[in-house]
Protein backbone atom coordinates (compact mmCIF):
# COMPACT_ATOMS: atom_id res chain seq x y z
CA UNK A 1 108.96 -227.80 97.92
CA UNK A 2 107.21 -226.94 94.67
CA UNK A 3 103.55 -227.05 95.18
CA UNK A 4 102.14 -228.15 91.89
CA UNK A 5 100.56 -231.30 89.98
CA UNK A 6 101.49 -233.06 86.81
CA UNK A 7 100.40 -231.81 83.34
CA UNK A 8 97.89 -229.06 82.87
CA UNK A 9 98.24 -225.85 80.55
CA UNK A 10 99.31 -222.22 80.75
CA UNK A 11 96.47 -220.10 79.22
CA UNK A 12 96.97 -216.28 79.08
CA UNK A 13 95.66 -215.03 82.58
CA UNK A 14 93.93 -211.96 81.40
CA UNK A 15 93.87 -210.68 84.95
CA UNK A 16 95.31 -207.22 84.42
CA UNK A 17 92.12 -206.12 83.19
CA UNK A 18 90.70 -206.14 86.78
CA UNK A 19 93.21 -207.26 89.40
CA UNK A 20 93.82 -203.64 90.53
CA UNK A 21 90.24 -202.72 90.55
CA UNK A 22 88.94 -202.64 94.10
CA UNK A 23 85.61 -204.15 94.96
CA UNK A 24 82.72 -201.69 94.82
CA UNK A 25 78.94 -201.92 95.18
CA UNK A 26 77.12 -202.73 91.84
CA UNK A 27 73.83 -200.82 91.31
CA UNK A 28 70.76 -202.66 92.17
CA UNK A 29 67.92 -203.20 89.58
CA UNK A 30 64.39 -201.99 90.20
CA UNK A 31 63.44 -205.70 90.47
CA UNK A 32 65.40 -208.83 91.08
CA UNK A 33 64.66 -212.44 90.11
CA UNK A 34 66.00 -214.71 92.62
CA UNK A 35 66.56 -218.43 91.66
CA UNK A 36 65.37 -221.06 94.10
CA UNK A 37 68.02 -223.43 92.93
CA UNK A 38 71.50 -221.83 93.46
CA UNK A 39 73.24 -224.89 94.69
CA UNK A 40 73.74 -228.49 94.06
CA UNK A 41 70.91 -230.63 95.41
CA UNK A 42 67.17 -230.20 95.86
CA UNK A 43 65.75 -226.72 95.00
CA UNK A 44 64.47 -224.52 97.89
CA UNK A 45 60.70 -224.21 98.45
CA UNK A 46 59.21 -220.74 98.43
CA UNK A 47 58.12 -219.49 101.85
CA UNK A 48 56.51 -216.31 100.48
CA UNK A 49 53.53 -215.42 98.42
CA UNK A 50 52.72 -212.67 95.97
CA UNK A 51 52.08 -209.46 97.77
CA UNK A 52 54.30 -210.25 100.56
CA UNK A 53 56.74 -207.60 101.67
CA UNK A 54 60.16 -208.98 102.48
CA UNK A 55 63.36 -207.42 103.94
CA UNK A 56 66.88 -207.76 102.68
CA UNK A 57 68.29 -210.98 104.13
CA UNK A 58 64.86 -212.48 104.76
CA UNK A 59 64.16 -216.09 104.04
CA UNK A 60 62.39 -216.65 100.88
CA UNK A 61 63.14 -220.27 99.94
CA UNK A 62 63.66 -223.19 102.48
CA UNK A 63 65.93 -226.01 101.87
CA UNK A 64 64.11 -229.23 101.18
CA UNK A 65 66.67 -231.78 102.23
CA UNK A 66 70.11 -232.13 103.63
CA UNK A 67 71.72 -231.69 100.20
CA UNK A 68 70.02 -228.17 99.64
CA UNK A 69 70.31 -224.63 100.79
CA UNK A 70 68.12 -221.80 101.99
CA UNK A 71 67.58 -218.76 99.73
CA UNK A 72 67.33 -215.11 100.89
CA UNK A 73 65.98 -211.92 99.48
CA UNK A 74 68.79 -209.50 98.33
CA UNK A 75 66.66 -206.42 98.56
CA UNK A 76 63.68 -205.07 100.52
CA UNK A 77 60.32 -204.75 98.62
CA UNK A 78 57.21 -206.65 97.38
CA UNK A 79 57.00 -210.07 95.99
CA UNK A 80 55.39 -209.59 92.53
CA UNK A 81 55.38 -213.11 91.12
CA UNK A 82 57.15 -216.30 90.38
CA UNK A 83 58.92 -216.96 86.99
CA UNK A 84 60.63 -219.97 85.32
CA UNK A 85 63.86 -218.42 83.76
CA UNK A 86 67.04 -219.95 82.31
CA UNK A 87 69.95 -220.64 84.56
CA UNK A 88 73.55 -220.27 83.83
CA UNK A 89 74.70 -224.03 83.53
CA UNK A 90 71.48 -224.69 81.31
CA UNK A 91 67.96 -225.63 82.11
CA UNK A 92 65.39 -223.50 83.99
CA UNK A 93 64.21 -223.16 87.56
CA UNK A 94 61.77 -221.24 89.55
CA UNK A 95 62.56 -217.59 90.49
CA UNK A 96 61.04 -215.25 93.12
CA UNK A 97 60.41 -211.82 91.67
CA UNK A 98 60.86 -208.97 94.14
CA UNK A 99 60.24 -205.34 93.30
CA UNK A 100 62.96 -203.18 94.99
CA UNK A 101 61.64 -200.39 97.10
CA UNK A 102 65.23 -199.19 97.48
CA UNK A 103 64.89 -198.86 101.32
CA UNK A 104 67.01 -201.88 101.97
CA UNK A 105 65.35 -202.66 105.39
CA UNK A 106 67.45 -205.48 106.68
CA UNK A 107 67.03 -208.57 108.83
CA UNK A 108 69.94 -210.53 110.27
CA UNK A 109 70.41 -213.79 112.17
CA UNK A 110 71.69 -213.39 115.69
CA UNK A 111 75.48 -212.97 115.97
CA UNK A 112 77.37 -215.90 117.63
CA UNK A 113 80.23 -215.53 120.03
CA UNK A 114 82.70 -218.30 120.41
CA UNK A 115 80.49 -220.88 118.77
CA UNK A 116 80.87 -224.64 119.17
CA UNK A 117 81.65 -226.59 116.06
CA UNK A 118 78.00 -227.77 115.94
CA UNK A 119 76.86 -224.11 116.21
CA UNK A 120 79.12 -223.19 113.36
CA UNK A 121 77.83 -226.00 111.02
CA UNK A 122 74.29 -225.13 112.01
CA UNK A 123 74.76 -221.40 111.25
CA UNK A 124 76.36 -222.20 107.83
CA UNK A 125 73.26 -224.34 106.98
CA UNK A 126 70.93 -221.68 108.32
CA UNK A 127 72.70 -218.84 106.32
CA UNK A 128 72.53 -220.94 103.05
CA UNK A 129 76.23 -220.78 102.49
CA UNK A 130 77.54 -222.94 99.55
CA UNK A 131 80.82 -223.40 97.79
CA UNK A 132 81.16 -220.01 96.11
CA UNK A 133 84.04 -220.95 93.76
CA UNK A 134 81.39 -222.13 91.30
CA UNK A 135 80.65 -225.62 92.53
CA UNK A 136 77.78 -224.47 94.86
CA UNK A 137 77.92 -227.69 96.97
CA UNK A 138 76.20 -226.93 100.35
CA UNK A 139 78.96 -226.05 102.80
CA UNK A 140 77.20 -227.74 105.80
CA UNK A 141 77.30 -231.17 103.90
CA UNK A 142 80.95 -230.70 103.21
CA UNK A 143 81.65 -230.11 106.99
CA UNK A 144 79.77 -233.20 107.87
CA UNK A 145 82.26 -235.92 106.66
CA UNK A 146 81.66 -239.63 107.70
CA UNK A 147 85.33 -239.96 108.26
CA UNK A 148 87.90 -237.93 110.21
CA UNK A 149 89.39 -234.97 108.37
CA UNK A 150 92.77 -233.84 109.57
CA UNK A 151 93.50 -231.12 106.82
CA UNK A 152 91.61 -228.19 105.71
CA UNK A 153 92.86 -226.56 102.28
CA UNK A 154 91.56 -223.11 101.27
CA UNK A 155 91.51 -222.85 97.60
CA UNK A 156 92.93 -219.49 96.78
CA UNK A 157 94.35 -220.36 93.37
CA UNK A 158 91.83 -218.60 91.35
CA UNK A 159 93.56 -220.18 88.24
CA UNK A 160 90.86 -219.47 85.68
CA UNK A 161 91.65 -216.63 83.31
CA UNK A 162 90.04 -213.15 83.92
CA UNK A 163 88.59 -213.88 87.57
CA UNK A 164 89.98 -211.73 90.22
CA UNK A 165 87.30 -211.42 92.78
CA UNK A 166 88.87 -213.77 95.29
CA UNK A 167 92.30 -211.91 94.87
CA UNK A 168 90.47 -208.71 95.75
CA UNK A 169 88.70 -210.28 98.80
CA UNK A 170 92.04 -211.50 100.04
CA UNK A 171 93.54 -208.00 99.86
CA UNK A 172 90.54 -206.08 101.10
CA UNK A 173 88.82 -208.32 103.55
CA UNK A 174 91.86 -210.32 105.09
CA UNK A 175 90.71 -210.21 108.61
CA UNK A 176 87.34 -211.59 107.96
CA UNK A 177 88.75 -214.12 105.44
CA UNK A 178 91.19 -215.50 108.10
CA UNK A 179 88.37 -215.45 110.82
CA UNK A 180 86.25 -217.76 108.45
CA UNK A 181 89.16 -220.02 107.81
CA UNK A 182 89.61 -220.49 111.53
CA UNK A 183 85.75 -221.03 111.94
CA UNK A 184 85.95 -223.74 109.29
CA UNK A 185 88.96 -225.34 110.88
CA UNK A 186 87.06 -225.47 114.26
CA UNK A 187 83.93 -226.89 112.68
CA UNK A 188 85.95 -229.82 111.13
CA UNK A 189 88.46 -230.35 114.05
CA UNK A 190 91.24 -230.21 111.39
CA UNK A 191 94.81 -230.27 112.73
CA UNK A 192 96.46 -228.69 109.57
CA UNK A 193 95.34 -225.61 107.45
CA UNK A 194 96.81 -224.75 104.33
CA UNK A 195 96.03 -221.70 101.93
CA UNK A 196 96.86 -222.80 98.32
CA UNK A 197 97.52 -219.74 96.28
CA UNK A 198 99.25 -219.30 92.84
CA UNK A 199 102.54 -217.40 92.81
CA UNK A 200 101.09 -214.81 90.56
CA UNK A 201 99.57 -213.03 93.53
CA UNK A 202 102.63 -211.98 95.46
CA UNK A 203 100.83 -208.93 97.30
CA UNK A 204 98.14 -211.46 98.58
CA UNK A 205 100.70 -213.93 99.56
CA UNK A 206 102.89 -211.40 101.43
CA UNK A 207 99.68 -210.08 103.32
CA UNK A 208 98.44 -213.55 104.16
CA UNK A 209 101.98 -214.64 105.54
CA UNK A 210 102.07 -211.62 107.75
CA UNK A 211 98.51 -211.79 108.81
CA UNK A 212 98.63 -215.60 109.54
CA UNK A 213 101.79 -215.37 111.44
CA UNK A 214 100.18 -215.75 114.81
CA UNK A 215 97.84 -218.60 113.62
CA UNK A 216 98.44 -222.10 112.71
CA UNK A 217 97.49 -221.41 109.10
CA UNK A 218 100.10 -222.24 106.46
CA UNK A 219 100.41 -220.36 103.21
CA UNK A 220 101.35 -222.67 100.24
CA UNK A 221 102.44 -220.60 97.11
CA UNK A 222 101.71 -222.96 94.16
CA UNK A 223 103.05 -223.01 90.69
CA UNK A 224 101.04 -220.90 88.19
CA UNK A 225 99.40 -223.61 86.10
CA UNK A 226 95.77 -224.41 85.14
CA UNK A 227 93.89 -226.14 86.71
CA UNK A 228 95.80 -225.51 89.98
CA UNK A 229 92.47 -224.69 91.58
CA UNK A 230 90.88 -228.02 90.64
CA UNK A 231 90.09 -229.83 93.89
CA UNK A 232 91.96 -233.06 93.32
CA UNK A 233 94.92 -231.21 91.74
CA UNK A 234 95.29 -228.88 94.60
CA UNK A 235 95.12 -231.64 97.29
CA UNK A 236 97.92 -233.29 95.44
CA UNK A 237 100.01 -230.12 95.20
CA UNK A 238 99.73 -229.23 98.86
CA UNK A 239 99.60 -232.62 100.51
CA UNK A 240 100.76 -235.19 97.90
CA UNK A 241 97.72 -237.22 98.75
CA UNK A 242 95.73 -238.74 95.79
CA UNK A 243 92.01 -238.71 95.84
CA UNK A 244 90.90 -242.12 94.32
CA UNK A 245 88.78 -242.23 91.13
CA UNK A 246 85.29 -241.92 92.30
CA UNK A 247 86.30 -240.78 95.68
CA UNK A 248 86.00 -237.62 97.75
CA UNK A 249 88.61 -235.47 99.36
CA UNK A 250 87.37 -236.68 102.81
CA UNK A 251 88.50 -240.18 101.77
CA UNK A 252 92.13 -239.00 102.17
CA UNK A 253 91.39 -236.76 105.22
CA UNK A 254 90.94 -233.55 103.41
CA UNK A 255 88.16 -230.87 102.99
CA UNK A 256 88.75 -228.01 100.34
CA UNK A 257 86.84 -224.67 100.74
CA UNK A 258 86.81 -221.56 98.69
CA UNK A 259 88.12 -218.03 99.67
CA UNK A 260 84.66 -216.43 99.38
CA UNK A 261 83.09 -219.36 101.25
CA UNK A 262 85.37 -218.74 104.24
CA UNK A 263 84.61 -215.00 104.14
CA UNK A 264 80.84 -215.68 104.07
CA UNK A 265 81.20 -218.09 106.96
CA UNK A 266 82.64 -215.23 109.04
CA UNK A 267 79.99 -212.85 107.97
CA UNK A 268 77.20 -215.41 108.77
CA UNK A 269 78.80 -216.42 112.32
CA UNK A 270 79.73 -213.00 113.64
CA UNK A 271 77.42 -210.64 111.79
CA UNK A 272 74.45 -212.83 111.33
CA UNK A 273 74.51 -212.14 107.46
CA UNK A 274 73.07 -214.83 105.31
CA UNK A 275 74.26 -215.45 101.71
CA UNK A 276 72.53 -213.19 99.33
CA UNK A 277 75.27 -211.17 97.57
CA UNK A 278 78.84 -211.80 96.52
CA UNK A 279 82.06 -210.46 95.02
CA UNK A 280 82.01 -210.87 91.24
CA UNK A 281 84.29 -210.12 88.42
CA UNK A 282 82.83 -208.67 85.30
CA UNK A 283 85.36 -208.60 82.50
CA UNK A 284 86.39 -209.09 78.77
CA UNK A 285 87.21 -206.69 75.98
CA UNK A 286 83.39 -206.49 75.08
CA UNK A 287 82.49 -204.39 78.19
CA UNK A 288 83.59 -200.97 79.14
CA UNK A 289 84.75 -200.45 82.84
CA UNK A 290 85.51 -204.05 83.66
CA UNK A 291 85.93 -204.55 87.42
CA UNK A 292 85.13 -206.41 90.71
CA UNK A 293 81.67 -205.73 92.30
CA UNK A 294 79.54 -206.64 95.20
CA UNK A 295 76.33 -207.96 93.32
CA UNK A 296 73.13 -208.96 94.78
CA UNK A 297 71.69 -212.38 93.86
CA UNK A 298 68.85 -212.16 91.16
CA UNK A 299 70.57 -209.37 89.12
CA UNK A 300 70.14 -210.06 85.47
CA UNK A 301 73.04 -210.33 83.12
CA UNK A 302 71.27 -207.84 80.83
CA UNK A 303 71.15 -205.31 83.72
CA UNK A 304 74.84 -205.85 84.44
CA UNK A 305 75.82 -205.32 80.81
CA UNK A 306 73.52 -202.26 80.42
CA UNK A 307 74.97 -200.67 83.65
CA UNK A 308 78.59 -201.01 82.49
CA UNK A 309 78.33 -200.66 78.73
CA UNK A 310 75.31 -198.41 77.90
CA UNK A 311 76.61 -197.03 74.53
CA UNK A 312 77.33 -200.17 72.55
CA UNK A 313 74.78 -202.66 71.08
CA UNK A 314 75.53 -206.12 72.48
CA UNK A 315 74.85 -208.10 69.22
CA UNK A 316 77.24 -205.89 67.31
CA UNK A 317 80.14 -206.16 69.66
CA UNK A 318 80.05 -209.38 71.52
CA UNK A 319 80.48 -212.83 70.15
CA UNK A 320 80.38 -214.79 73.35
CA UNK A 321 79.07 -214.30 76.92
CA UNK A 322 80.29 -216.66 79.52
CA UNK A 323 79.23 -217.22 83.03
CA UNK A 324 82.36 -218.29 85.08
CA UNK A 325 85.74 -218.59 83.48
CA UNK A 326 86.56 -219.34 79.80
CA UNK A 327 87.94 -222.81 80.66
CA UNK A 328 85.04 -224.21 82.78
CA UNK A 329 82.36 -221.62 82.47
CA UNK A 330 79.16 -221.87 80.53
CA UNK A 331 78.40 -219.88 77.35
CA UNK A 332 75.09 -218.07 77.68
CA UNK A 333 72.33 -218.20 75.16
CA UNK A 334 70.28 -215.75 77.19
CA UNK A 335 70.75 -212.39 78.94
CA UNK A 336 67.71 -213.21 81.21
CA UNK A 337 69.94 -215.38 83.34
CA UNK A 338 70.24 -214.01 86.87
CA UNK A 339 73.12 -214.09 89.35
CA UNK A 340 73.48 -216.63 92.08
CA UNK A 341 75.71 -217.48 95.10
CA UNK A 342 77.99 -219.32 92.65
CA UNK A 343 78.41 -216.44 90.16
CA UNK A 344 82.07 -215.74 90.37
CA UNK A 345 82.29 -213.98 86.97
CA UNK A 346 80.54 -212.74 84.02
CA UNK A 347 82.74 -212.37 80.74
CA UNK A 348 81.80 -210.58 77.55
CA UNK A 349 84.21 -211.53 74.91
CA UNK A 350 84.69 -210.17 71.37
CA UNK A 351 86.44 -211.68 68.23
CA UNK A 352 89.91 -210.62 69.60
CA UNK A 353 89.24 -212.98 72.63
CA UNK A 354 87.66 -216.01 70.99
CA UNK A 355 89.30 -218.19 68.57
CA UNK A 356 86.76 -219.33 66.05
CA UNK A 357 88.69 -221.76 63.91
CA UNK A 358 86.59 -224.48 62.31
CA UNK A 359 86.66 -228.00 63.68
CA UNK A 360 88.55 -230.60 61.76
CA UNK A 361 89.15 -234.32 62.21
CA UNK A 362 91.21 -235.70 64.97
CA UNK A 363 94.83 -235.95 63.93
CA UNK A 364 95.68 -238.57 66.63
CA UNK A 365 98.43 -236.31 68.05
CA UNK A 366 97.62 -237.12 71.64
CA UNK A 367 97.98 -233.46 72.53
CA UNK A 368 94.77 -233.75 74.67
CA UNK A 369 96.19 -236.73 76.69
CA UNK A 370 99.56 -234.94 77.25
CA UNK A 371 97.91 -232.10 79.08
CA UNK A 372 95.10 -234.00 81.01
CA UNK A 373 95.54 -233.55 84.62
CA UNK A 374 93.65 -236.74 85.33
CA UNK A 375 95.72 -238.78 83.00
CA UNK A 376 92.88 -239.74 80.76
CA UNK A 377 92.76 -240.03 76.87
CA UNK A 378 90.14 -237.60 75.86
CA UNK A 379 90.18 -238.60 72.28
CA UNK A 380 89.18 -242.01 73.09
CA UNK A 381 86.41 -240.86 75.29
CA UNK A 382 85.05 -238.52 72.59
CA UNK A 383 85.13 -241.23 69.90
CA UNK A 384 83.19 -243.56 72.27
CA UNK A 385 80.62 -240.86 73.16
CA UNK A 386 80.06 -239.97 69.58
CA UNK A 387 79.54 -243.52 68.64
CA UNK A 388 77.29 -244.24 71.59
CA UNK A 389 79.63 -246.83 73.11
CA UNK A 390 79.00 -246.06 76.68
CA UNK A 391 80.92 -249.00 77.99
CA UNK A 392 84.04 -247.95 76.18
CA UNK A 393 83.66 -244.33 77.44
CA UNK A 394 83.48 -245.73 80.98
CA UNK A 395 86.46 -248.00 80.35
CA UNK A 396 88.44 -244.92 79.38
CA UNK A 397 87.38 -243.09 82.43
CA UNK A 398 84.64 -240.55 81.23
CA UNK A 399 83.28 -240.40 84.85
CA UNK A 400 86.70 -239.38 86.17
CA UNK A 401 87.03 -236.25 84.15
CA UNK A 402 86.90 -233.00 86.05
CA UNK A 403 85.84 -230.98 82.95
CA UNK A 404 88.72 -228.69 83.33
CA UNK A 405 88.89 -228.01 79.57
CA UNK A 406 92.60 -228.53 79.11
CA UNK A 407 92.10 -231.12 76.26
CA UNK A 408 89.89 -228.90 74.21
CA UNK A 409 92.30 -225.94 74.97
CA UNK A 410 95.24 -227.92 73.55
CA UNK A 411 93.53 -229.63 70.64
CA UNK A 412 95.01 -228.44 67.19
CA UNK A 413 91.98 -229.93 65.41
CA UNK A 414 89.64 -227.68 67.68
CA UNK A 415 87.47 -230.80 68.75
CA UNK A 416 84.87 -229.88 71.48
CA UNK A 417 86.47 -232.66 73.72
CA UNK A 418 85.02 -231.25 77.01
CA UNK A 419 81.44 -230.94 75.48
CA UNK A 420 81.51 -234.48 74.30
CA UNK A 421 82.66 -235.83 77.72
CA UNK A 422 80.01 -233.72 79.53
CA UNK A 423 77.38 -235.17 77.25
CA UNK A 424 78.81 -238.70 77.98
CA UNK A 425 78.85 -238.21 81.74
CA UNK A 426 75.25 -236.78 81.60
CA UNK A 427 73.96 -239.72 79.41
CA UNK A 428 75.53 -242.43 81.48
CA UNK A 429 74.10 -240.97 84.81
CA UNK A 430 70.54 -240.44 83.28
CA UNK A 431 70.42 -243.85 81.80
CA UNK A 432 72.06 -245.44 84.86
CA UNK A 433 74.52 -247.19 82.71
C-alpha cells in the first residue's frame, strides 16, 4: 500500500544542510524573555513578580482556562520585569524577563510510575505540553475528545523544507519517543498506532521498525510529497479516512500528535520535566554553522543569529528570516521575537534561496487548483477576498483551506494566494460573517 494523498507539490527539501548534524545544547543568553502566550487559546497569567527568584522549570505563568497552557522558566535567575514584545505569527504578547544567573538550579514535578490514563492527561496539562509541530494546540485538550478515538497517528513526516529537528529526535532519542507514544496511546485508549514518516528518512524508518518490533506500533512509510505532514492529508494517507470539512480528526476516530510532543510527554511523565526547551533547526544559506539545537524558550532570534554568525552584518546578507518552514512559516519583521514551545525552526535566507519575481495578473491557468490538497480553487478565493465578497469566499471554501502554501508555490504569476486566503479567513471570523 502506498501511503499518500492526492495532489500536493515537490519543493526542494534543503535538508542536507542539517540532517546529519546531531542535536547540541545552544548557548543561553544573559536574559530570557518568555512569552506568556505560546499556545492556541487564552494566554497564561503571570504568577511571579519583579524581584522574585525563579528556578529552571518553575511555573511562571498559569493557564487561564481549559484551552490554555502553563508556562515555565527556562533558566534560574531573577525576574527583572515584564515586556510587550512581537510574536512570530504576528501581534504582540506579554513576556516575563528573567536575568539568567547561569546556575541552572532546577525544579521538577514528581516522576510518575505506571500512571493511569487520567494521570497521564493531568501530567500533560500540568507540564504545559502543546503540539510542538508548530500548531501549539494544548495536548491535554486533544487527548480529551468527546467521541471514542480508536487510532493514534504520530506525525513524523517533517515535510517542510529545511526542518530536521524531529528527524534527529527520532535517531537520538528513540527510546523516549516510543515511551511517549505508548503513553499517548494509553491516555486515549486507542487500539491502533501508526507512525507516519516520509520515505526520505530511511535511517529513522529502519531504527523505528526495529525498536517498535515488540510493541503494537506500526511504522507507515509515506510518499515524499508536501504537505504529507498536514493533519487531514496524513490521516487520509495512513487510514484512508476523510475528515469532513469543518470537522476534527476525532470525528473520524483519530488523534494526530507530533514526534516532539510524544518525546516531551515521556519527559514530563517519567522525569517530571515541564515544557521549557525544545529541539530546533536553525538553517538557510544566510547563517554560518546551521544545525539542530536544544534551545530554551525565551531566546531571542537576534541572539541565535549573533551566536551562529558573528562576522556578517544581518541587513547586508539576509533578505528573509522565517520562523517555521518556508511553506507555512512566518516571515519575521523583527529580531526581537523570542522562541516558544512551537519554534521548530528559524531560517535565514539569502537571495539564492528566495525567488523575488514580481507579481503579475492571474493568467487563469488553474495551476493553484491542480496542486491544492483540499481540492479548492484558490484563484477564485483570492478574487473574492480582494473584492470583499465574503459570501463568495465562503462558497469557494476559504474556511477549508489548511494554509499549506501549495497554491502560491505553484503559481506562475507569483500571486500571494495563501496570504489572501489567510486575510479572508481572519476577516470572516472577526466579523462573524
